[in-house]
């Protein structure tokens, strides 16, 4: 395993940086692609980790092929809209083909987009277009599907938890099971998959499979204060809200994560269409899954 070169695109982002660290911890040689002109402050952490940095232009096919040559896998954590998810990723995939890189992990990292119908999540629609490019490629791909990032539940203004009101918000049923995985756990699993030449087309993992009612119970126990589930409406109500918010702000279409996009993810989760199953959590037995309860305890300690 050691000395395998894994090329990582999007390493200056939060998840990308964690994947770079996880790969180095597993003994891989990490090569990161950064866009020409990327500031030194954005790459300091990568340099300190020992990662090799290559400045690239995704419009330079020859330069991109040279940058990925010799890799056993290219991992994309690129974030963006069509120009990036379809455009830049396709250029990266074709560059890998040109120099016979055998494997590619696309920037999917979400709930199960393969079961969500077209039109119900804009970002998933873009990924499906790129999946059509993958289907025509000689490079074997592995998509990592991990549910929502559990870290978001602890944000200052998190989805679902309302820490001030001691509530957990939900749409539809408070017993619908939802998938959450921390970014560190996703990074560790992705690193393992990048180094696994036998990884399949899709790998589904969830560090936590819980309902809104489970989230309320966990917070009640950790904080010693009763938390209630708070119904926000039906799934149809949420769908109507998504359409209204989206129509009211056409300029938000140019944002990667505008408010309507976040609501689309919530609809995919509470409808059960994005539910991950069966899970591949045990494929790499050294990967440990962080419980949401642990995140809540950290939040309590920091208060």
C-alpha atoms as a PDB file:
ATOM      1  CA  UNK A   1       0.000   0.000   0.000  1.00  0.00           C
ATOM      2  CA  UNK A   2       2.772   2.428   0.962  1.00  0.00           C
ATOM      3  CA  UNK A   3       4.188   4.690  -1.743  1.00  0.00           C
ATOM      4  CA  UNK A   4       0.980   4.682  -3.747  1.00  0.00           C
ATOM      5  CA  UNK A   5       0.432   8.106  -5.229  1.00  0.00           C
ATOM      6  CA  UNK A   6      -3.070   9.471  -4.682  1.00  0.00           C
ATOM      7  CA  UNK A   7      -3.844  12.698  -6.475  1.00  0.00           C
ATOM      8  CA  UNK A   8      -6.342  14.940  -4.734  1.00  0.00           C
ATOM      9  CA  UNK A   9      -8.238  17.805  -6.371  1.00  0.00           C
ATOM     10  CA  UNK A  10      -9.971  20.211  -4.002  1.00  0.00           C
ATOM     11  CA  UNK A  11      -7.569  19.677  -1.132  1.00  0.00           C
ATOM     12  CA  UNK A  12      -7.718  23.320  -0.003  1.00  0.00           C
ATOM     13  CA  UNK A  13     -11.312  22.791   1.118  1.00  0.00           C
ATOM     14  CA  UNK A  14     -12.369  21.478   4.513  1.00  0.00           C
ATOM     15  CA  UNK A  15     -13.112  17.884   3.507  1.00  0.00           C
ATOM     16  CA  UNK A  16     -10.243  17.825   1.009  1.00  0.00           C
ATOM     17  CA  UNK A  17      -7.726  18.824   3.660  1.00  0.00           C
ATOM     18  CA  UNK A  18      -8.993  16.094   5.968  1.00  0.00           C
ATOM     19  CA  UNK A  19      -8.693  13.510   3.188  1.00  0.00           C
ATOM     20  CA  UNK A  20      -5.110  14.621   2.507  1.00  0.00           C
ATOM     21  CA  UNK A  21      -4.286  14.115   6.185  1.00  0.00           C
ATOM     22  CA  UNK A  22      -6.007  10.711   6.279  1.00  0.00           C
ATOM     23  CA  UNK A  23      -4.148   9.561   3.176  1.00  0.00           C
ATOM     24  CA  UNK A  24      -0.786  10.607   4.619  1.00  0.00           C
ATOM     25  CA  UNK A  25      -1.632   8.797   7.855  1.00  0.00           C
ATOM     26  CA  UNK A  26      -2.194   5.627   5.807  1.00  0.00           C
ATOM     27  CA  UNK A  27       1.189   5.932   4.158  1.00  0.00           C
ATOM     28  CA  UNK A  28       0.130   7.233   0.771  1.00  0.00           C
ATOM     29  CA  UNK A  29       2.088   9.767  -1.202  1.00  0.00           C
ATOM     30  CA  UNK A  30      -0.341  12.649  -1.550  1.00  0.00           C
ATOM     31  CA  UNK A  31      -0.227  14.874  -4.603  1.00  0.00           C
ATOM     32  CA  UNK A  32      -2.603  17.824  -4.526  1.00  0.00           C
ATOM     33  CA  UNK A  33      -3.829  19.850  -7.470  1.00  0.00           C
ATOM     34  CA  UNK A  34      -4.392  23.530  -6.848  1.00  0.00           C
ATOM     35  CA  UNK A  35      -5.474  26.074  -9.373  1.00  0.00           C
ATOM     36  CA  UNK A  36      -2.872  28.439 -10.773  1.00  0.00           C
ATOM     37  CA  UNK A  37      -2.910  31.552  -8.644  1.00  0.00           C
ATOM     38  CA  UNK A  38      -4.006  29.856  -5.427  1.00  0.00           C
ATOM     39  CA  UNK A  39      -2.580  31.900  -2.556  1.00  0.00           C
ATOM     40  CA  UNK A  40       0.140  30.535  -0.275  1.00  0.00           C
ATOM     41  CA  UNK A  41      -2.128  30.962   2.761  1.00  0.00           C
ATOM     42  CA  UNK A  42      -4.539  28.406   1.261  1.00  0.00           C
ATOM     43  CA  UNK A  43      -1.859  25.766   0.868  1.00  0.00           C
ATOM     44  CA  UNK A  44       0.173  26.189   4.060  1.00  0.00           C
ATOM     45  CA  UNK A  45      -1.510  23.286   5.848  1.00  0.00           C
ATOM     46  CA  UNK A  46      -0.993  21.008   2.844  1.00  0.00           C
ATOM     47  CA  UNK A  47       2.688  21.927   2.649  1.00  0.00           C
ATOM     48  CA  UNK A  48       3.112  21.226   6.358  1.00  0.00           C
ATOM     49  CA  UNK A  49       1.471  17.810   5.906  1.00  0.00           C
ATOM     50  CA  UNK A  50       4.104  16.865   3.360  1.00  0.00           C
ATOM     51  CA  UNK A  51       1.741  16.797   0.395  1.00  0.00           C
ATOM     52  CA  UNK A  52       3.163  17.534  -3.024  1.00  0.00           C
ATOM     53  CA  UNK A  53       1.526  20.547  -4.652  1.00  0.00           C
ATOM     54  CA  UNK A  54       0.956  20.892  -8.377  1.00  0.00           C
ATOM     55  CA  UNK A  55      -0.506  24.087  -9.808  1.00  0.00           C
ATOM     56  CA  UNK A  56      -2.840  23.282 -12.690  1.00  0.00           C
ATOM     57  CA  UNK A  57      -5.343  24.802 -15.066  1.00  0.00           C
ATOM     58  CA  UNK A  58      -8.301  22.517 -15.712  1.00  0.00           C
ATOM     59  CA  UNK A  59      -8.393  23.903 -19.269  1.00  0.00           C
ATOM     60  CA  UNK A  60      -4.858  22.612 -19.934  1.00  0.00           C
ATOM     61  CA  UNK A  61      -5.419  18.961 -20.871  1.00  0.00           C
ATOM     62  CA  UNK A  62      -1.738  18.146 -21.355  1.00  0.00           C
ATOM     63  CA  UNK A  63      -0.700  19.838 -18.131  1.00  0.00           C
ATOM     64  CA  UNK A  64      -3.502  18.126 -16.229  1.00  0.00           C
ATOM     65  CA  UNK A  65      -2.488  14.712 -17.575  1.00  0.00           C
ATOM     66  CA  UNK A  66       1.110  15.357 -16.582  1.00  0.00           C
ATOM     67  CA  UNK A  67      -0.065  16.324 -13.093  1.00  0.00           C
ATOM     68  CA  UNK A  68      -2.022  13.092 -12.487  1.00  0.00           C
ATOM     69  CA  UNK A  69       0.427  10.718 -14.234  1.00  0.00           C
ATOM     70  CA  UNK A  70       1.665   7.878 -12.052  1.00  0.00           C
ATOM     71  CA  UNK A  71      -1.287   8.054  -9.665  1.00  0.00           C
ATOM     72  CA  UNK A  72      -3.165   4.940  -8.622  1.00  0.00           C
ATOM     73  CA  UNK A  73      -6.292   6.980  -7.934  1.00  0.00           C
ATOM     74  CA  UNK A  74      -7.552  10.516  -8.440  1.00  0.00           C
ATOM     75  CA  UNK A  75      -9.845  11.816  -5.708  1.00  0.00           C
ATOM     76  CA  UNK A  76     -12.011  14.831  -6.493  1.00  0.00           C
ATOM     77  CA  UNK A  77     -13.384  16.963  -3.685  1.00  0.00           C
ATOM     78  CA  UNK A  78     -14.088  19.847  -6.029  1.00  0.00           C
ATOM     79  CA  UNK A  79     -17.032  22.019  -5.079  1.00  0.00           C
ATOM     80  CA  UNK A  80     -19.081  24.115  -7.441  1.00  0.00           C
ATOM     81  CA  UNK A  81     -21.848  24.126  -9.994  1.00  0.00           C
ATOM     82  CA  UNK A  82     -21.933  22.849 -13.603  1.00  0.00           C
ATOM     83  CA  UNK A  83     -18.627  24.461 -14.575  1.00  0.00           C
ATOM     84  CA  UNK A  84     -16.881  22.484 -11.845  1.00  0.00           C
ATOM     85  CA  UNK A  85     -18.923  19.340 -11.177  1.00  0.00           C
ATOM     86  CA  UNK A  86     -19.432  18.567 -14.861  1.00  0.00           C
ATOM     87  CA  UNK A  87     -16.763  20.673 -16.585  1.00  0.00           C
ATOM     88  CA  UNK A  88     -13.656  20.483 -14.415  1.00  0.00           C
ATOM     89  CA  UNK A  89     -14.347  16.954 -13.221  1.00  0.00           C
ATOM     90  CA  UNK A  90     -14.761  15.729 -16.810  1.00  0.00           C
ATOM     91  CA  UNK A  91     -11.455  17.366 -17.747  1.00  0.00           C
ATOM     92  CA  UNK A  92      -9.853  15.680 -14.755  1.00  0.00           C
ATOM     93  CA  UNK A  93     -11.356  12.309 -15.676  1.00  0.00           C
ATOM     94  CA  UNK A  94     -10.172  12.568 -19.299  1.00  0.00           C
ATOM     95  CA  UNK A  95      -6.694  13.558 -18.105  1.00  0.00           C
ATOM     96  CA  UNK A  96      -6.629  10.438 -15.929  1.00  0.00           C
ATOM     97  CA  UNK A  97      -7.707   8.322 -18.918  1.00  0.00           C
ATOM     98  CA  UNK A  98      -4.959   9.775 -21.078  1.00  0.00           C
ATOM     99  CA  UNK A  99      -2.201   8.576 -18.744  1.00  0.00           C
ATOM    100  CA  UNK A 100      -4.004   5.376 -17.658  1.00  0.00           C
ATOM    101  CA  UNK A 101      -4.732   6.243 -14.063  1.00  0.00           C
ATOM    102  CA  UNK A 102      -6.906   3.274 -13.111  1.00  0.00           C
ATOM    103  CA  UNK A 103      -9.308   4.769 -10.583  1.00  0.00           C
ATOM    104  CA  UNK A 104     -11.297   7.923  -9.781  1.00  0.00           C
ATOM    105  CA  UNK A 105     -13.383   9.003  -6.793  1.00  0.00           C
ATOM    106  CA  UNK A 106     -15.797  11.797  -7.805  1.00  0.00           C
ATOM    107  CA  UNK A 107     -16.974  14.605  -5.565  1.00  0.00           C
ATOM    108  CA  UNK A 108     -20.295  13.048  -4.517  1.00  0.00           C
ATOM    109  CA  UNK A 109     -20.182  12.735  -0.680  1.00  0.00           C
ATOM    110  CA  UNK A 110     -23.912  12.990  -0.014  1.00  0.00           C
ATOM    111  CA  UNK A 111     -27.021  10.976   0.758  1.00  0.00           C
ATOM    112  CA  UNK A 112     -28.049   8.378  -1.829  1.00  0.00           C
ATOM    113  CA  UNK A 113     -28.342  10.494  -4.956  1.00  0.00           C
ATOM    114  CA  UNK A 114     -28.952   7.356  -7.019  1.00  0.00           C
ATOM    115  CA  UNK A 115     -32.439   7.033  -5.508  1.00  0.00           C
ATOM    116  CA  UNK A 116     -33.465  10.694  -5.562  1.00  0.00           C
ATOM    117  CA  UNK A 117     -35.505  11.424  -8.728  1.00  0.00           C
ATOM    118  CA  UNK A 118     -34.147  14.001 -11.185  1.00  0.00           C
ATOM    119  CA  UNK A 119     -35.364  17.506 -10.449  1.00  0.00           C
ATOM    120  CA  UNK A 120     -35.556  17.083  -6.685  1.00  0.00           C
ATOM    121  CA  UNK A 121     -31.995  18.207  -5.934  1.00  0.00           C
ATOM    122  CA  UNK A 122     -30.125  20.572  -8.240  1.00  0.00           C
ATOM    123  CA  UNK A 123     -26.660  19.501  -7.096  1.00  0.00           C
ATOM    124  CA  UNK A 124     -27.529  15.824  -7.548  1.00  0.00           C
ATOM    125  CA  UNK A 125     -28.688  16.521 -11.103  1.00  0.00           C
ATOM    126  CA  UNK A 126     -25.236  17.927 -11.900  1.00  0.00           C
ATOM    127  CA  UNK A 127     -23.558  14.859 -10.437  1.00  0.00           C
ATOM    128  CA  UNK A 128     -25.758  12.585 -12.513  1.00  0.00           C
ATOM    129  CA  UNK A 129     -24.565  14.370 -15.642  1.00  0.00           C
ATOM    130  CA  UNK A 130     -20.980  13.689 -14.600  1.00  0.00           C
ATOM    131  CA  UNK A 131     -21.864  10.060 -13.867  1.00  0.00           C
ATOM    132  CA  UNK A 132     -22.752   9.751 -17.552  1.00  0.00           C
ATOM    133  CA  UNK A 133     -19.166  10.768 -18.333  1.00  0.00           C
ATOM    134  CA  UNK A 134     -17.908   8.152 -15.883  1.00  0.00           C
ATOM    135  CA  UNK A 135     -20.012   5.506 -17.628  1.00  0.00           C
ATOM    136  CA  UNK A 136     -18.129   6.132 -20.884  1.00  0.00           C
ATOM    137  CA  UNK A 137     -14.687   6.080 -19.278  1.00  0.00           C
ATOM    138  CA  UNK A 138     -12.087   3.338 -18.977  1.00  0.00           C
ATOM    139  CA  UNK A 139     -11.280   4.697 -15.511  1.00  0.00           C
ATOM    140  CA  UNK A 140     -13.105   2.807 -12.745  1.00  0.00           C
ATOM    141  CA  UNK A 141     -14.984   5.068 -10.352  1.00  0.00           C
ATOM    142  CA  UNK A 142     -16.054   4.722  -6.745  1.00  0.00           C
ATOM    143  CA  UNK A 143     -18.594   7.146  -5.296  1.00  0.00           C
ATOM    144  CA  UNK A 144     -18.612   7.597  -1.531  1.00  0.00           C
ATOM    145  CA  UNK A 145     -22.137   8.249  -0.234  1.00  0.00           C
ATOM    146  CA  UNK A 146     -22.181   9.231   3.431  1.00  0.00           C
ATOM    147  CA  UNK A 147     -25.425  11.046   4.241  1.00  0.00           C
ATOM    148  CA  UNK A 148     -25.240  14.509   5.747  1.00  0.00           C
ATOM    149  CA  UNK A 149     -22.122  15.687   7.529  1.00  0.00           C
ATOM    150  CA  UNK A 150     -22.817  15.272  11.252  1.00  0.00           C
ATOM    151  CA  UNK A 151     -20.577  18.256  12.006  1.00  0.00           C
ATOM    152  CA  UNK A 152     -23.312  20.543  10.622  1.00  0.00           C
ATOM    153  CA  UNK A 153     -25.575  19.593  13.510  1.00  0.00           C
ATOM    154  CA  UNK A 154     -23.227  21.491  15.836  1.00  0.00           C
ATOM    155  CA  UNK A 155     -22.988  24.693  13.809  1.00  0.00           C
ATOM    156  CA  UNK A 156     -23.990  28.008  15.376  1.00  0.00           C
ATOM    157  CA  UNK A 157     -27.174  27.854  13.280  1.00  0.00           C
ATOM    158  CA  UNK A 158     -27.479  24.136  12.619  1.00  0.00           C
ATOM    159  CA  UNK A 159     -30.036  22.291  10.574  1.00  0.00           C
ATOM    160  CA  UNK A 160     -32.496  20.337  12.768  1.00  0.00           C
ATOM    161  CA  UNK A 161     -31.190  21.245  16.230  1.00  0.00           C
ATOM    162  CA  UNK A 162     -32.471  24.434  17.868  1.00  0.00           C
ATOM    163  CA  UNK A 163     -30.302  24.495  20.962  1.00  0.00           C
ATOM    164  CA  UNK A 164     -31.864  27.710  22.299  1.00  0.00           C
ATOM    165  CA  UNK A 165     -35.392  26.278  22.255  1.00  0.00           C
ATOM    166  CA  UNK A 166     -34.350  22.719  23.086  1.00  0.00           C
ATOM    167  CA  UNK A 167     -35.993  21.393  19.963  1.00  0.00           C
ATOM    168  CA  UNK A 168     -35.263  19.167  16.983  1.00  0.00           C
ATOM    169  CA  UNK A 169     -37.070  20.210  13.818  1.00  0.00           C
ATOM    170  CA  UNK A 170     -38.554  17.718  11.386  1.00  0.00           C
ATOM    171  CA  UNK A 171     -40.849  17.428   8.378  1.00  0.00           C
ATOM    172  CA  UNK A 172     -43.135  14.490   7.734  1.00  0.00           C
ATOM    173  CA  UNK A 173     -42.362  11.862  10.368  1.00  0.00           C
ATOM    174  CA  UNK A 174     -40.158  12.297  13.469  1.00  0.00           C
ATOM    175  CA  UNK A 175     -39.296   8.609  13.140  1.00  0.00           C
ATOM    176  CA  UNK A 176     -37.858   8.754   9.611  1.00  0.00           C
ATOM    177  CA  UNK A 177     -34.295   7.456   9.838  1.00  0.00           C
ATOM    178  CA  UNK A 178     -31.596   9.858   8.640  1.00  0.00           C
ATOM    179  CA  UNK A 179     -27.916   9.243   7.871  1.00  0.00           C
ATOM    180  CA  UNK A 180     -25.099  11.364   9.321  1.00  0.00           C
ATOM    181  CA  UNK A 181     -21.316  10.907   9.212  1.00  0.00           C
ATOM    182  CA  UNK A 182     -18.601  13.237  10.505  1.00  0.00           C
ATOM    183  CA  UNK A 183     -16.221  14.783   7.992  1.00  0.00           C
ATOM    184  CA  UNK A 184     -13.226  13.153   9.673  1.00  0.00           C
ATOM    185  CA  UNK A 185     -14.838   9.727   9.364  1.00  0.00           C
ATOM    186  CA  UNK A 186     -15.741  10.354   5.725  1.00  0.00           C
ATOM    187  CA  UNK A 187     -12.156  11.439   5.082  1.00  0.00           C
ATOM    188  CA  UNK A 188     -10.740   8.316   6.712  1.00  0.00           C
ATOM    189  CA  UNK A 189     -13.096   6.020   4.787  1.00  0.00           C
ATOM    190  CA  UNK A 190     -12.368   7.844   1.521  1.00  0.00           C
ATOM    191  CA  UNK A 191      -8.625   7.439   2.080  1.00  0.00           C
ATOM    192  CA  UNK A 192      -9.129   3.711   2.625  1.00  0.00           C
ATOM    193  CA  UNK A 193     -11.227   3.454  -0.541  1.00  0.00           C
ATOM    194  CA  UNK A 194      -8.656   5.410  -2.563  1.00  0.00           C
ATOM    195  CA  UNK A 195      -6.039   2.831  -1.583  1.00  0.00           C
ATOM    196  CA  UNK A 196      -8.348  -0.125  -2.261  1.00  0.00           C
ATOM    197  CA  UNK A 197      -7.982  -1.318  -5.880  1.00  0.00           C
ATOM    198  CA  UNK A 198     -11.090  -3.507  -5.504  1.00  0.00           C
ATOM    199  CA  UNK A 199     -13.505  -0.823  -4.322  1.00  0.00           C
ATOM    200  CA  UNK A 200     -16.877  -1.032  -6.142  1.00  0.00           C
ATOM    201  CA  UNK A 201     -18.784   1.674  -8.029  1.00  0.00           C
ATOM    202  CA  UNK A 202     -20.665   2.830  -4.916  1.00  0.00           C
ATOM    203  CA  UNK A 203     -19.830   2.654  -1.218  1.00  0.00           C
ATOM    204  CA  UNK A 204     -22.511   3.679   1.258  1.00  0.00           C
ATOM    205  CA  UNK A 205     -21.613   4.541   4.853  1.00  0.00           C
ATOM    206  CA  UNK A 206     -23.347   6.178   7.795  1.00  0.00           C
ATOM    207  CA  UNK A 207     -21.676   6.854  11.114  1.00  0.00           C
ATOM    208  CA  UNK A 208     -25.125   7.456  12.595  1.00  0.00           C
ATOM    209  CA  UNK A 209     -28.580   6.349  11.484  1.00  0.00           C
ATOM    210  CA  UNK A 210     -31.022   8.224  13.675  1.00  0.00           C
ATOM    211  CA  UNK A 211     -34.441   9.854  13.628  1.00  0.00           C
ATOM    212  CA  UNK A 212     -35.379  13.343  14.795  1.00  0.00           C
ATOM    213  CA  UNK A 213     -36.772  11.686  17.886  1.00  0.00           C
ATOM    214  CA  UNK A 214     -33.389   9.968  18.466  1.00  0.00           C
ATOM    215  CA  UNK A 215     -31.596  13.319  18.103  1.00  0.00           C
ATOM    216  CA  UNK A 216     -33.884  14.850  20.725  1.00  0.00           C
ATOM    217  CA  UNK A 217     -33.288  11.946  23.113  1.00  0.00           C
ATOM    218  CA  UNK A 218     -29.511  12.203  22.718  1.00  0.00           C
ATOM    219  CA  UNK A 219     -29.512  15.950  23.398  1.00  0.00           C
ATOM    220  CA  UNK A 220     -31.806  15.471  26.418  1.00  0.00           C
ATOM    221  CA  UNK A 221     -29.413  12.963  27.948  1.00  0.00           C
ATOM    222  CA  UNK A 222     -26.240  14.920  27.213  1.00  0.00           C
ATOM    223  CA  UNK A 223     -27.483  18.355  28.283  1.00  0.00           C
ATOM    224  CA  UNK A 224     -29.819  17.166  31.047  1.00  0.00           C
ATOM    225  CA  UNK A 225     -32.638  19.256  29.588  1.00  0.00           C
ATOM    226  CA  UNK A 226     -35.688  17.807  27.818  1.00  0.00           C
ATOM    227  CA  UNK A 227     -35.575  18.294  24.054  1.00  0.00           C
ATOM    228  CA  UNK A 228     -38.770  18.058  21.995  1.00  0.00           C
ATOM    229  CA  UNK A 229     -39.332  17.256  18.353  1.00  0.00           C
ATOM    230  CA  UNK A 230     -40.944  20.205  16.563  1.00  0.00           C
ATOM    231  CA  UNK A 231     -42.964  19.511  13.416  1.00  0.00           C
ATOM    232  CA  UNK A 232     -42.318  22.116  10.683  1.00  0.00           C
ATOM    233  CA  UNK A 233     -44.919  20.739   8.296  1.00  0.00           C
ATOM    234  CA  UNK A 234     -45.499  17.917   5.841  1.00  0.00           C
ATOM    235  CA  UNK A 235     -43.111  16.921   3.091  1.00  0.00           C
ATOM    236  CA  UNK A 236     -45.454  18.643   0.633  1.00  0.00           C
ATOM    237  CA  UNK A 237     -45.200  21.803   2.753  1.00  0.00           C
ATOM    238  CA  UNK A 238     -41.410  21.601   2.533  1.00  0.00           C
ATOM    239  CA  UNK A 239     -41.548  21.068  -1.234  1.00  0.00           C
ATOM    240  CA  UNK A 240     -43.807  24.113  -1.582  1.00  0.00           C
ATOM    241  CA  UNK A 241     -41.409  26.136   0.561  1.00  0.00           C
ATOM    242  CA  UNK A 242     -38.469  25.099  -1.629  1.00  0.00           C
ATOM    243  CA  UNK A 243     -40.285  26.257  -4.775  1.00  0.00           C
ATOM    244  CA  UNK A 244     -41.265  29.570  -3.157  1.00  0.00           C
ATOM    245  CA  UNK A 245     -37.802  30.354  -1.809  1.00  0.00           C
ATOM    246  CA  UNK A 246     -36.146  29.395  -5.084  1.00  0.00           C
ATOM    247  CA  UNK A 247     -38.522  31.472  -7.218  1.00  0.00           C
ATOM    248  CA  UNK A 248     -38.141  34.491  -4.968  1.00  0.00           C
ATOM    249  CA  UNK A 249     -34.373  34.683  -5.385  1.00  0.00           C
ATOM    250  CA  UNK A 250     -33.247  33.826  -8.937  1.00  0.00           C
ATOM    251  CA  UNK A 251     -29.761  35.164  -8.196  1.00  0.00           C
ATOM    252  CA  UNK A 252     -29.252  32.340  -5.697  1.00  0.00           C
ATOM    253  CA  UNK A 253     -29.003  29.905  -8.618  1.00  0.00           C
ATOM    254  CA  UNK A 254     -25.381  30.993  -8.966  1.00  0.00           C
ATOM    255  CA  UNK A 255     -24.585  29.881  -5.405  1.00  0.00           C
ATOM    256  CA  UNK A 256     -23.444  26.362  -4.582  1.00  0.00           C
ATOM    257  CA  UNK A 257     -25.402  26.151  -1.345  1.00  0.00           C
ATOM    258  CA  UNK A 258     -28.244  28.696  -1.382  1.00  0.00           C
ATOM    259  CA  UNK A 259     -31.115  28.282   1.110  1.00  0.00           C
ATOM    260  CA  UNK A 260     -33.276  26.319  -1.335  1.00  0.00           C
ATOM    261  CA  UNK A 261     -30.445  23.825  -1.866  1.00  0.00           C
ATOM    262  CA  UNK A 262     -30.178  23.081   1.838  1.00  0.00           C
ATOM    263  CA  UNK A 263     -33.929  22.510   1.963  1.00  0.00           C
ATOM    264  CA  UNK A 264     -33.694  20.117  -0.977  1.00  0.00           C
ATOM    265  CA  UNK A 265     -31.208  17.999   0.970  1.00  0.00           C
ATOM    266  CA  UNK A 266     -33.576  17.987   3.960  1.00  0.00           C
ATOM    267  CA  UNK A 267     -36.460  16.882   1.727  1.00  0.00           C
ATOM    268  CA  UNK A 268     -34.340  14.074   0.276  1.00  0.00           C
ATOM    269  CA  UNK A 269     -33.552  12.881   3.796  1.00  0.00           C
ATOM    270  CA  UNK A 270     -36.990  13.176   5.414  1.00  0.00           C
ATOM    271  CA  UNK A 271     -38.698  11.618   2.380  1.00  0.00           C
ATOM    272  CA  UNK A 272     -36.441   8.585   2.797  1.00  0.00           C
ATOM    273  CA  UNK A 273     -35.446   8.760  -0.886  1.00  0.00           C
ATOM    274  CA  UNK A 274     -31.856   9.587   0.050  1.00  0.00           C
ATOM    275  CA  UNK A 275     -31.627   6.844   2.682  1.00  0.00           C
ATOM    276  CA  UNK A 276     -28.446   4.806   2.434  1.00  0.00           C
ATOM    277  CA  UNK A 277     -28.794   1.043   2.415  1.00  0.00           C
ATOM    278  CA  UNK A 278     -27.260  -1.409   2.586  1.00  0.00           C
ATOM    279  CA  UNK A 279     -24.259   0.083   4.360  1.00  0.00           C
ATOM    280  CA  UNK A 280     -20.601  -0.701   3.755  1.00  0.00           C
ATOM    281  CA  UNK A 281     -19.465   0.499   7.188  1.00  0.00           C
ATOM    282  CA  UNK A 282     -17.518  -2.707   7.855  1.00  0.00           C
ATOM    283  CA  UNK A 283     -15.533  -2.754   4.611  1.00  0.00           C
ATOM    284  CA  UNK A 284     -12.512  -1.139   6.289  1.00  0.00           C
ATOM    285  CA  UNK A 285     -12.706  -2.367   9.857  1.00  0.00           C
ATOM    286  CA  UNK A 286     -10.090   0.081  11.139  1.00  0.00           C
ATOM    287  CA  UNK A 287     -12.425   2.994  10.442  1.00  0.00           C
ATOM    288  CA  UNK A 288     -14.170   4.122  13.623  1.00  0.00           C
ATOM    289  CA  UNK A 289     -17.485   5.948  13.481  1.00  0.00           C
ATOM    290  CA  UNK A 290     -18.059   9.007  15.644  1.00  0.00           C
ATOM    291  CA  UNK A 291     -21.425   9.095  17.408  1.00  0.00           C
ATOM    292  CA  UNK A 292     -23.530  12.256  17.398  1.00  0.00           C
ATOM    293  CA  UNK A 293     -23.654  11.881  21.168  1.00  0.00           C
ATOM    294  CA  UNK A 294     -19.874  12.460  21.218  1.00  0.00           C
ATOM    295  CA  UNK A 295     -20.301  15.664  19.219  1.00  0.00           C
ATOM    296  CA  UNK A 296     -22.990  16.830  21.645  1.00  0.00           C
ATOM    297  CA  UNK A 297     -20.691  16.113  24.598  1.00  0.00           C
ATOM    298  CA  UNK A 298     -17.931  18.144  22.949  1.00  0.00           C
ATOM    299  CA  UNK A 299     -20.391  20.992  22.457  1.00  0.00           C
ATOM    300  CA  UNK A 300     -21.410  20.779  26.109  1.00  0.00           C
ATOM    301  CA  UNK A 301     -17.767  20.874  27.231  1.00  0.00           C
ATOM    302  CA  UNK A 302     -17.114  23.938  25.060  1.00  0.00           C
ATOM    303  CA  UNK A 303     -20.123  25.861  26.395  1.00  0.00           C
END
